[in-house]
Amino acid sequence: MKKPVKEAVALEYGQHQAPTVLLKADAELAERVIAEAHRQGILVTEDAELLSALSSVGLNEEIPPELYHAVAVLLSWVYWLKGLTPDESPASD
């Protein structure tokens, strides 16, 4: 059985008015990006539908308004897991 190709999209939030696509990768590069994120304590989630939608956004582009809700849910999860409040940056700990 063929192993499915791994994909990854990294978002940046805080520098722009909306989250921005910072990185897109697939296959071996995606595996390395995910492994490095785990090593650095960066939270990783798997959501095939959101991945598909984010994959259509260009690099360094803000996400479109139709993705705000889905990404807001994801960001609230990150803040909650890290014990942060919205005025704190997840990357600052």
PDB file of N, CA and C in Angstrom:
ATOM      1  N   MET A   1       0.845  -1.189   0.000  1.00  0.00           N
ATOM      2  CA  MET A   1       0.000   0.000   0.000  1.00  0.00           C
ATOM      3  C   MET A   1       0.884   1.243   0.000  1.00  0.00           C
ATOM      4  N   LYS A   2       0.565   2.164  -0.864  1.00  0.00           N
ATOM      5  CA  LYS A   2       1.351   3.378  -1.012  1.00  0.00           C
ATOM      6  C   LYS A   2       1.080   4.333   0.150  1.00  0.00           C
ATOM      7  N   LYS A   3       2.158   4.868   0.723  1.00  0.00           N
ATOM      8  CA  LYS A   3       2.041   5.832   1.815  1.00  0.00           C
ATOM      9  C   LYS A   3       1.524   7.161   1.254  1.00  0.00           C
ATOM     10  N   PRO A   4       0.524   7.777   1.902  1.00  0.00           N
ATOM     11  CA  PRO A   4      -0.001   9.043   1.385  1.00  0.00           C
ATOM     12  C   PRO A   4       1.056  10.147   1.472  1.00  0.00           C
ATOM     13  N   VAL A   5       1.016  11.051   0.518  1.00  0.00           N
ATOM     14  CA  VAL A   5       1.948  12.175   0.506  1.00  0.00           C
ATOM     15  C   VAL A   5       1.537  13.152   1.594  1.00  0.00           C
ATOM     16  N   LYS A   6       2.481  13.517   2.433  1.00  0.00           N
ATOM     17  CA  LYS A   6       2.242  14.469   3.514  1.00  0.00           C
ATOM     18  C   LYS A   6       2.332  15.880   2.951  1.00  0.00           C
ATOM     19  N   GLU A   7       1.490  16.755   3.438  1.00  0.00           N
ATOM     20  CA  GLU A   7       1.524  18.165   3.061  1.00  0.00           C
ATOM     21  C   GLU A   7       1.530  19.003   4.326  1.00  0.00           C
ATOM     22  N   ALA A   8       2.045  20.219   4.217  1.00  0.00           N
ATOM     23  CA  ALA A   8       2.069  21.127   5.359  1.00  0.00           C
ATOM     24  C   ALA A   8       1.898  22.562   4.878  1.00  0.00           C
ATOM     25  N   VAL A   9       1.187  23.333   5.682  1.00  0.00           N
ATOM     26  CA  VAL A   9       1.060  24.771   5.478  1.00  0.00           C
ATOM     27  C   VAL A   9       1.325  25.412   6.835  1.00  0.00           C
ATOM     28  N   ALA A  10       2.208  26.408   6.848  1.00  0.00           N
ATOM     29  CA  ALA A  10       2.501  27.131   8.091  1.00  0.00           C
ATOM     30  C   ALA A  10       1.917  28.537   7.972  1.00  0.00           C
ATOM     31  N   LEU A  11       1.305  28.975   9.056  1.00  0.00           N
ATOM     32  CA  LEU A  11       0.716  30.308   9.103  1.00  0.00           C
ATOM     33  C   LEU A  11       1.493  31.188  10.057  1.00  0.00           C
ATOM     34  N   GLU A  12       1.518  32.468   9.758  1.00  0.00           N
ATOM     35  CA  GLU A  12       2.082  33.478  10.645  1.00  0.00           C
ATOM     36  C   GLU A  12       0.941  34.420  10.998  1.00  0.00           C
ATOM     37  N   TYR A  13       0.856  34.764  12.276  1.00  0.00           N
ATOM     38  CA  TYR A  13      -0.177  35.709  12.679  1.00  0.00           C
ATOM     39  C   TYR A  13       0.409  36.700  13.663  1.00  0.00           C
ATOM     40  N   GLY A  14       0.158  37.964  13.427  1.00  0.00           N
ATOM     41  CA  GLY A  14       0.649  39.001  14.309  1.00  0.00           C
ATOM     42  C   GLY A  14       1.358  40.115  13.556  1.00  0.00           C
ATOM     43  N   GLN A  15       1.907  39.816  12.411  1.00  0.00           N
ATOM     44  CA  GLN A  15       2.608  40.814  11.609  1.00  0.00           C
ATOM     45  C   GLN A  15       1.656  41.531  10.640  1.00  0.00           C
ATOM     46  N   HIS A  16       0.524  40.909  10.346  1.00  0.00           N
ATOM     47  CA  HIS A  16      -0.440  41.449   9.391  1.00  0.00           C
ATOM     48  C   HIS A  16      -1.818  41.481  10.040  1.00  0.00           C
ATOM     49  N   GLN A  17      -2.774  42.030   9.322  1.00  0.00           N
ATOM     50  CA  GLN A  17      -4.133  42.089   9.863  1.00  0.00           C
ATOM     51  C   GLN A  17      -4.802  40.724   9.901  1.00  0.00           C
ATOM     52  N   ALA A  18      -4.384  39.826   9.045  1.00  0.00           N
ATOM     53  CA  ALA A  18      -4.952  38.478   9.000  1.00  0.00           C
ATOM     54  C   ALA A  18      -3.799  37.478   8.950  1.00  0.00           C
ATOM     55  N   PRO A  19      -4.048  36.243   9.377  1.00  0.00           N
ATOM     56  CA  PRO A  19      -2.998  35.221   9.260  1.00  0.00           C
ATOM     57  C   PRO A  19      -2.493  35.126   7.817  1.00  0.00           C
ATOM     58  N   THR A  20      -1.213  34.874   7.686  1.00  0.00           N
ATOM     59  CA  THR A  20      -0.544  34.846   6.395  1.00  0.00           C
ATOM     60  C   THR A  20       0.100  33.488   6.172  1.00  0.00           C
ATOM     61  N   VAL A  21       0.027  32.984   4.954  1.00  0.00           N
ATOM     62  CA  VAL A  21       0.671  31.712   4.616  1.00  0.00           C
ATOM     63  C   VAL A  21       2.173  31.957   4.532  1.00  0.00           C
ATOM     64  N   LEU A  22       2.891  31.321   5.433  1.00  0.00           N
ATOM     65  CA  LEU A  22       4.334  31.498   5.538  1.00  0.00           C
ATOM     66  C   LEU A  22       5.099  30.437   4.763  1.00  0.00           C
ATOM     67  N   LEU A  23       4.531  29.229   4.686  1.00  0.00           N
ATOM     68  CA  LEU A  23       5.232  28.111   4.075  1.00  0.00           C
ATOM     69  C   LEU A  23       4.225  27.101   3.556  1.00  0.00           C
ATOM     70  N   LYS A  24       4.544  26.505   2.414  1.00  0.00           N
ATOM     71  CA  LYS A  24       3.773  25.374   1.895  1.00  0.00           C
ATOM     72  C   LYS A  24       4.780  24.320   1.475  1.00  0.00           C
ATOM     73  N   ALA A  25       4.508  23.079   1.846  1.00  0.00           N
ATOM     74  CA  ALA A  25       5.451  22.000   1.515  1.00  0.00           C
ATOM     75  C   ALA A  25       4.679  20.707   1.320  1.00  0.00           C
ATOM     76  N   ASP A  26       5.301  19.795   0.583  1.00  0.00           N
ATOM     77  CA  ASP A  26       4.725  18.455   0.461  1.00  0.00           C
ATOM     78  C   ASP A  26       5.848  17.430   0.483  1.00  0.00           C
ATOM     79  N   ALA A  27       5.438  16.190   0.569  1.00  0.00           N
ATOM     80  CA  ALA A  27       6.337  15.038   0.549  1.00  0.00           C
ATOM     81  C   ALA A  27       7.394  15.140   1.646  1.00  0.00           C
ATOM     82  N   GLU A  28       8.637  14.892   1.280  1.00  0.00           N
ATOM     83  CA  GLU A  28       9.724  14.836   2.266  1.00  0.00           C
ATOM     84  C   GLU A  28       9.923  16.168   2.986  1.00  0.00           C
ATOM     85  N   LEU A  29       9.801  17.281   2.264  1.00  0.00           N
ATOM     86  CA  LEU A  29       9.958  18.581   2.906  1.00  0.00           C
ATOM     87  C   LEU A  29       8.879  18.794   3.967  1.00  0.00           C
ATOM     88  N   ALA A  30       7.654  18.401   3.676  1.00  0.00           N
ATOM     89  CA  ALA A  30       6.573  18.524   4.658  1.00  0.00           C
ATOM     90  C   ALA A  30       6.886  17.694   5.900  1.00  0.00           C
ATOM     91  N   GLU A  31       7.383  16.501   5.704  1.00  0.00           N
ATOM     92  CA  GLU A  31       7.758  15.641   6.847  1.00  0.00           C
ATOM     93  C   GLU A  31       8.822  16.324   7.699  1.00  0.00           C
ATOM     94  N   ARG A  32       9.823  16.929   7.053  1.00  0.00           N
ATOM     95  CA  ARG A  32      10.900  17.601   7.788  1.00  0.00           C
ATOM     96  C   ARG A  32      10.373  18.836   8.519  1.00  0.00           C
ATOM     97  N   VAL A  33       9.502  19.602   7.859  1.00  0.00           N
ATOM     98  CA  VAL A  33       8.919  20.795   8.488  1.00  0.00           C
ATOM     99  C   VAL A  33       8.114  20.393   9.718  1.00  0.00           C
ATOM    100  N   ILE A  34       7.299  19.365   9.603  1.00  0.00           N
ATOM    101  CA  ILE A  34       6.478  18.908  10.723  1.00  0.00           C
ATOM    102  C   ILE A  34       7.361  18.402  11.866  1.00  0.00           C
ATOM    103  N   ALA A  35       8.387  17.639  11.536  1.00  0.00           N
ATOM    104  CA  ALA A  35       9.303  17.134  12.566  1.00  0.00           C
ATOM    105  C   ALA A  35      10.003  18.290  13.285  1.00  0.00           C
ATOM    106  N   GLU A  36      10.441  19.285  12.537  1.00  0.00           N
ATOM    107  CA  GLU A  36      11.114  20.437  13.149  1.00  0.00           C
ATOM    108  C   GLU A  36      10.139  21.237  14.009  1.00  0.00           C
ATOM    109  N   ALA A  37       8.908  21.384  13.557  1.00  0.00           N
ATOM    110  CA  ALA A  37       7.904  22.080  14.364  1.00  0.00           C
ATOM    111  C   ALA A  37       7.705  21.362  15.694  1.00  0.00           C
ATOM    112  N   HIS A  38       7.620  20.044  15.657  1.00  0.00           N
ATOM    113  CA  HIS A  38       7.487  19.276  16.900  1.00  0.00           C
ATOM    114  C   HIS A  38       8.692  19.504  17.807  1.00  0.00           C
ATOM    115  N   ARG A  39       9.906  19.478  17.234  1.00  0.00           N
ATOM    116  CA  ARG A  39      11.122  19.684  18.032  1.00  0.00           C
ATOM    117  C   ARG A  39      11.136  21.054  18.694  1.00  0.00           C
ATOM    118  N   GLN A  40      10.588  22.044  18.020  1.00  0.00           N
ATOM    119  CA  GLN A  40      10.585  23.407  18.556  1.00  0.00           C
ATOM    120  C   GLN A  40       9.366  23.711  19.423  1.00  0.00           C
ATOM    121  N   GLY A  41       8.518  22.726  19.621  1.00  0.00           N
ATOM    122  CA  GLY A  41       7.334  22.929  20.446  1.00  0.00           C
ATOM    123  C   GLY A  41       6.222  23.687  19.754  1.00  0.00           C
ATOM    124  N   ILE A  42       6.274  23.747  18.434  1.00  0.00           N
ATOM    125  CA  ILE A  42       5.221  24.407  17.662  1.00  0.00           C
ATOM    126  C   ILE A  42       4.095  23.405  17.465  1.00  0.00           C
ATOM    127  N   LEU A  43       2.892  23.828  17.795  1.00  0.00           N
ATOM    128  CA  LEU A  43       1.758  22.928  17.700  1.00  0.00           C
ATOM    129  C   LEU A  43       1.392  22.658  16.248  1.00  0.00           C
ATOM    130  N   VAL A  44       1.104  21.400  15.967  1.00  0.00           N
ATOM    131  CA  VAL A  44       0.763  20.944  14.624  1.00  0.00           C
ATOM    132  C   VAL A  44      -0.586  20.263  14.703  1.00  0.00           C
ATOM    133  N   THR A  45      -1.451  20.567  13.766  1.00  0.00           N
ATOM    134  CA  THR A  45      -2.744  19.904  13.701  1.00  0.00           C
ATOM    135  C   THR A  45      -2.947  19.366  12.297  1.00  0.00           C
ATOM    136  N   GLU A  46      -3.820  18.386  12.178  1.00  0.00           N
ATOM    137  CA  GLU A  46      -4.144  17.819  10.870  1.00  0.00           C
ATOM    138  C   GLU A  46      -5.611  18.056  10.582  1.00  0.00           C
ATOM    139  N   ASP A  47      -5.872  18.742   9.487  1.00  0.00           N
ATOM    140  CA  ASP A  47      -7.230  19.024   9.045  1.00  0.00           C
ATOM    141  C   ASP A  47      -7.185  19.086   7.526  1.00  0.00           C
ATOM    142  N   ALA A  48      -7.590  18.004   6.880  1.00  0.00           N
ATOM    143  CA  ALA A  48      -7.465  17.885   5.420  1.00  0.00           C
ATOM    144  C   ALA A  48      -8.217  18.983   4.681  1.00  0.00           C
ATOM    145  N   GLU A  49      -9.402  19.340   5.149  1.00  0.00           N
ATOM    146  CA  GLU A  49     -10.183  20.380   4.466  1.00  0.00           C
ATOM    147  C   GLU A  49      -9.522  21.745   4.591  1.00  0.00           C
ATOM    148  N   LEU A  50      -9.056  22.076   5.793  1.00  0.00           N
ATOM    149  CA  LEU A  50      -8.394  23.355   5.982  1.00  0.00           C
ATOM    150  C   LEU A  50      -7.078  23.394   5.205  1.00  0.00           C
ATOM    151  N   LEU A  51      -6.344  22.295   5.209  1.00  0.00           N
ATOM    152  CA  LEU A  51      -5.107  22.212   4.433  1.00  0.00           C
ATOM    153  C   LEU A  51      -5.378  22.478   2.956  1.00  0.00           C
ATOM    154  N   SER A  52      -6.415  21.867   2.429  1.00  0.00           N
ATOM    155  CA  SER A  52      -6.767  22.057   1.024  1.00  0.00           C
ATOM    156  C   SER A  52      -7.086  23.517   0.738  1.00  0.00           C
ATOM    157  N   ALA A  53      -7.854  24.143   1.609  1.00  0.00           N
ATOM    158  CA  ALA A  53      -8.216  25.548   1.411  1.00  0.00           C
ATOM    159  C   ALA A  53      -6.999  26.456   1.524  1.00  0.00           C
ATOM    160  N   LEU A  54      -6.150  26.204   2.512  1.00  0.00           N
ATOM    161  CA  LEU A  54      -4.960  27.036   2.699  1.00  0.00           C
ATOM    162  C   LEU A  54      -3.947  26.837   1.586  1.00  0.00           C
ATOM    163  N   SER A  55      -3.924  25.667   0.987  1.00  0.00           N
ATOM    164  CA  SER A  55      -2.987  25.387  -0.097  1.00  0.00           C
ATOM    165  C   SER A  55      -3.240  26.257  -1.318  1.00  0.00           C
ATOM    166  N   SER A  56      -4.461  26.766  -1.442  1.00  0.00           N
ATOM    167  CA  SER A  56      -4.785  27.612  -2.591  1.00  0.00           C
ATOM    168  C   SER A  56      -4.369  29.072  -2.378  1.00  0.00           C
ATOM    169  N   VAL A  57      -3.944  29.409  -1.157  1.00  0.00           N
ATOM    170  CA  VAL A  57      -3.490  30.764  -0.852  1.00  0.00           C
ATOM    171  C   VAL A  57      -2.009  30.863  -1.202  1.00  0.00           C
ATOM    172  N   GLY A  58      -1.610  31.943  -1.820  1.00  0.00           N
ATOM    173  CA  GLY A  58      -0.217  32.128  -2.199  1.00  0.00           C
ATOM    174  C   GLY A  58       0.691  32.378  -1.008  1.00  0.00           C
ATOM    175  N   LEU A  59       1.974  32.117  -1.196  1.00  0.00           N
ATOM    176  CA  LEU A  59       2.957  32.400  -0.147  1.00  0.00           C
ATOM    177  C   LEU A  59       2.962  33.887   0.179  1.00  0.00           C
ATOM    178  N   ASN A  60       3.081  34.184   1.464  1.00  0.00           N
ATOM    179  CA  ASN A  60       3.108  35.553   1.980  1.00  0.00           C
ATOM    180  C   ASN A  60       1.814  36.316   1.732  1.00  0.00           C
ATOM    181  N   GLU A  61       0.731  35.596   1.418  1.00  0.00           N
ATOM    182  CA  GLU A  61      -0.576  36.221   1.258  1.00  0.00           C
ATOM    183  C   GLU A  61      -1.416  35.992   2.502  1.00  0.00           C
ATOM    184  N   GLU A  62      -2.222  36.994   2.852  1.00  0.00           N
ATOM    185  CA  GLU A  62      -3.163  36.832   3.954  1.00  0.00           C
ATOM    186  C   GLU A  62      -4.251  35.858   3.538  1.00  0.00           C
ATOM    187  N   ILE A  63      -4.756  35.108   4.503  1.00  0.00           N
ATOM    188  CA  ILE A  63      -5.832  34.175   4.191  1.00  0.00           C
ATOM    189  C   ILE A  63      -7.085  34.969   3.809  1.00  0.00           C
ATOM    190  N   PRO A  64      -7.937  34.407   2.965  1.00  0.00           N
ATOM    191  CA  PRO A  64      -9.162  35.114   2.578  1.00  0.00           C
ATOM    192  C   PRO A  64     -10.188  35.092   3.722  1.00  0.00           C
ATOM    193  N   PRO A  65     -11.099  36.052   3.718  1.00  0.00           N
ATOM    194  CA  PRO A  65     -12.105  36.142   4.779  1.00  0.00           C
ATOM    195  C   PRO A  65     -12.901  34.855   5.007  1.00  0.00           C
ATOM    196  N   GLU A  66     -13.135  34.068   3.956  1.00  0.00           N
ATOM    197  CA  GLU A  66     -13.918  32.845   4.143  1.00  0.00           C
ATOM    198  C   GLU A  66     -13.186  31.802   5.001  1.00  0.00           C
ATOM    199  N   LEU A  67     -11.891  31.994   5.247  1.00  0.00           N
ATOM    200  CA  LEU A  67     -11.140  31.069   6.115  1.00  0.00           C
ATOM    201  C   LEU A  67     -10.935  31.621   7.522  1.00  0.00           C
ATOM    202  N   TYR A  68     -11.377  32.847   7.786  1.00  0.00           N
ATOM    203  CA  TYR A  68     -11.169  33.457   9.099  1.00  0.00           C
ATOM    204  C   TYR A  68     -11.700  32.592  10.231  1.00  0.00           C
ATOM    205  N   HIS A  69     -12.922  32.113  10.086  1.00  0.00           N
ATOM    206  CA  HIS A  69     -13.528  31.354  11.183  1.00  0.00           C
ATOM    207  C   HIS A  69     -12.734  30.072  11.476  1.00  0.00           C
ATOM    208  N   ALA A  70     -12.417  29.315  10.450  1.00  0.00           N
ATOM    209  CA  ALA A  70     -11.685  28.056  10.649  1.00  0.00           C
ATOM    210  C   ALA A  70     -10.322  28.300  11.270  1.00  0.00           C
ATOM    211  N   VAL A  71      -9.623  29.332  10.817  1.00  0.00           N
ATOM    212  CA  VAL A  71      -8.299  29.623  11.365  1.00  0.00           C
ATOM    213  C   VAL A  71      -8.425  30.202  12.775  1.00  0.00           C
ATOM    214  N   ALA A  72      -9.463  30.979  13.040  1.00  0.00           N
ATOM    215  CA  ALA A  72      -9.675  31.506  14.389  1.00  0.00           C
ATOM    216  C   ALA A  72      -9.889  30.368  15.384  1.00  0.00           C
ATOM    217  N   VAL A  73     -10.618  29.347  14.979  1.00  0.00           N
ATOM    218  CA  VAL A  73     -10.818  28.183  15.847  1.00  0.00           C
ATOM    219  C   VAL A  73      -9.474  27.521  16.129  1.00  0.00           C
ATOM    220  N   LEU A  74      -8.674  27.361  15.102  1.00  0.00           N
ATOM    221  CA  LEU A  74      -7.347  26.765  15.253  1.00  0.00           C
ATOM    222  C   LEU A  74      -6.469  27.616  16.169  1.00  0.00           C
ATOM    223  N   LEU A  75      -6.451  28.934  15.967  1.00  0.00           N
ATOM    224  CA  LEU A  75      -5.639  29.807  16.810  1.00  0.00           C
ATOM    225  C   LEU A  75      -6.118  29.804  18.256  1.00  0.00           C
ATOM    226  N   SER A  76      -7.427  29.748  18.468  1.00  0.00           N
ATOM    227  CA  SER A  76      -7.927  29.707  19.851  1.00  0.00           C
ATOM    228  C   SER A  76      -7.487  28.423  20.532  1.00  0.00           C
ATOM    229  N   TRP A  77      -7.435  27.341  19.779  1.00  0.00           N
ATOM    230  CA  TRP A  77      -6.937  26.058  20.310  1.00  0.00           C
ATOM    231  C   TRP A  77      -5.470  26.193  20.712  1.00  0.00           C
ATOM    232  N   VAL A  78      -4.666  26.832  19.863  1.00  0.00           N
ATOM    233  CA  VAL A  78      -3.241  27.029  20.167  1.00  0.00           C
ATOM    234  C   VAL A  78      -3.087  27.853  21.440  1.00  0.00           C
ATOM    235  N   TYR A  79      -3.794  28.972  21.535  1.00  0.00           N
ATOM    236  CA  TYR A  79      -3.716  29.805  22.737  1.00  0.00           C
ATOM    237  C   TYR A  79      -4.129  29.015  23.973  1.00  0.00           C
ATOM    238  N   TRP A  80      -5.221  28.277  23.884  1.00  0.00           N
ATOM    239  CA  TRP A  80      -5.712  27.512  25.027  1.00  0.00           C
ATOM    240  C   TRP A  80      -4.690  26.461  25.475  1.00  0.00           C
ATOM    241  N   LEU A  81      -4.141  25.713  24.522  1.00  0.00           N
ATOM    242  CA  LEU A  81      -3.166  24.681  24.873  1.00  0.00           C
ATOM    243  C   LEU A  81      -1.902  25.262  25.496  1.00  0.00           C
ATOM    244  N   LYS A  82      -1.525  26.436  25.086  1.00  0.00           N
ATOM    245  CA  LYS A  82      -0.316  27.069  25.615  1.00  0.00           C
ATOM    246  C   LYS A  82      -0.617  27.912  26.853  1.00  0.00           C
ATOM    247  N   GLY A  83      -1.887  28.003  27.244  1.00  0.00           N
ATOM    248  CA  GLY A  83      -2.251  28.769  28.431  1.00  0.00           C
ATOM    249  C   GLY A  83      -2.079  30.265  28.256  1.00  0.00           C
ATOM    250  N   LEU A  84      -2.246  30.746  27.040  1.00  0.00           N
ATOM    251  CA  LEU A  84      -2.049  32.171  26.737  1.00  0.00           C
ATOM    252  C   LEU A  84      -3.378  32.882  26.592  1.00  0.00           C
ATOM    253  N   THR A  85      -3.314  34.201  26.673  1.00  0.00           N
ATOM    254  CA  THR A  85      -4.468  35.031  26.391  1.00  0.00           C
ATOM    255  C   THR A  85      -4.219  35.729  25.060  1.00  0.00           C
ATOM    256  N   PRO A  86      -5.256  36.291  24.431  1.00  0.00           N
ATOM    257  CA  PRO A  86      -5.077  36.894  23.096  1.00  0.00           C
ATOM    258  C   PRO A  86      -4.038  38.003  23.031  1.00  0.00           C
ATOM    259  N   ASP A  87      -3.713  38.670  24.148  1.00  0.00           N
ATOM    260  CA  ASP A  87      -2.718  39.732  24.101  1.00  0.00           C
ATOM    261  C   ASP A  87      -1.285  39.203  24.196  1.00  0.00           C
ATOM    262  N   GLU A  88      -1.131  37.883  24.301  1.00  0.00           N
ATOM    263  CA  GLU A  88       0.185  37.251  24.332  1.00  0.00           C
ATOM    264  C   GLU A  88       0.412  36.498  23.028  1.00  0.00           C
ATOM    265  N   SER A  89       1.645  36.435  22.604  1.00  0.00           N
ATOM    266  CA  SER A  89       1.972  35.743  21.363  1.00  0.00           C
ATOM    267  C   SER A  89       2.327  34.291  21.651  1.00  0.00           C
ATOM    268  N   PRO A  90       1.759  33.330  20.879  1.00  0.00           N
ATOM    269  CA  PRO A  90       2.121  31.920  21.080  1.00  0.00           C
ATOM    270  C   PRO A  90       3.609  31.672  20.881  1.00  0.00           C
ATOM    271  N   ALA A  91       4.273  32.467  20.077  1.00  0.00           N
ATOM    272  CA  ALA A  91       5.704  32.260  19.796  1.00  0.00           C
ATOM    273  C   ALA A  91       6.583  32.874  20.880  1.00  0.00           C
ATOM    274  N   SER A  92       6.008  33.636  21.827  1.00  0.00           N
ATOM    275  CA  SER A  92       6.830  34.343  22.798  1.00  0.00           C
ATOM    276  C   SER A  92       7.227  33.510  23.994  1.00  0.00           C
ATOM    277  N   ASP A  93       6.695  32.299  24.138  1.00  0.00           N
ATOM    278  CA  ASP A  93       7.046  31.500  25.321  1.00  0.00           C
ATOM    279  C   ASP A  93       8.186  30.574  25.074  1.00  0.00           C
TER     280      ASP A  93
END
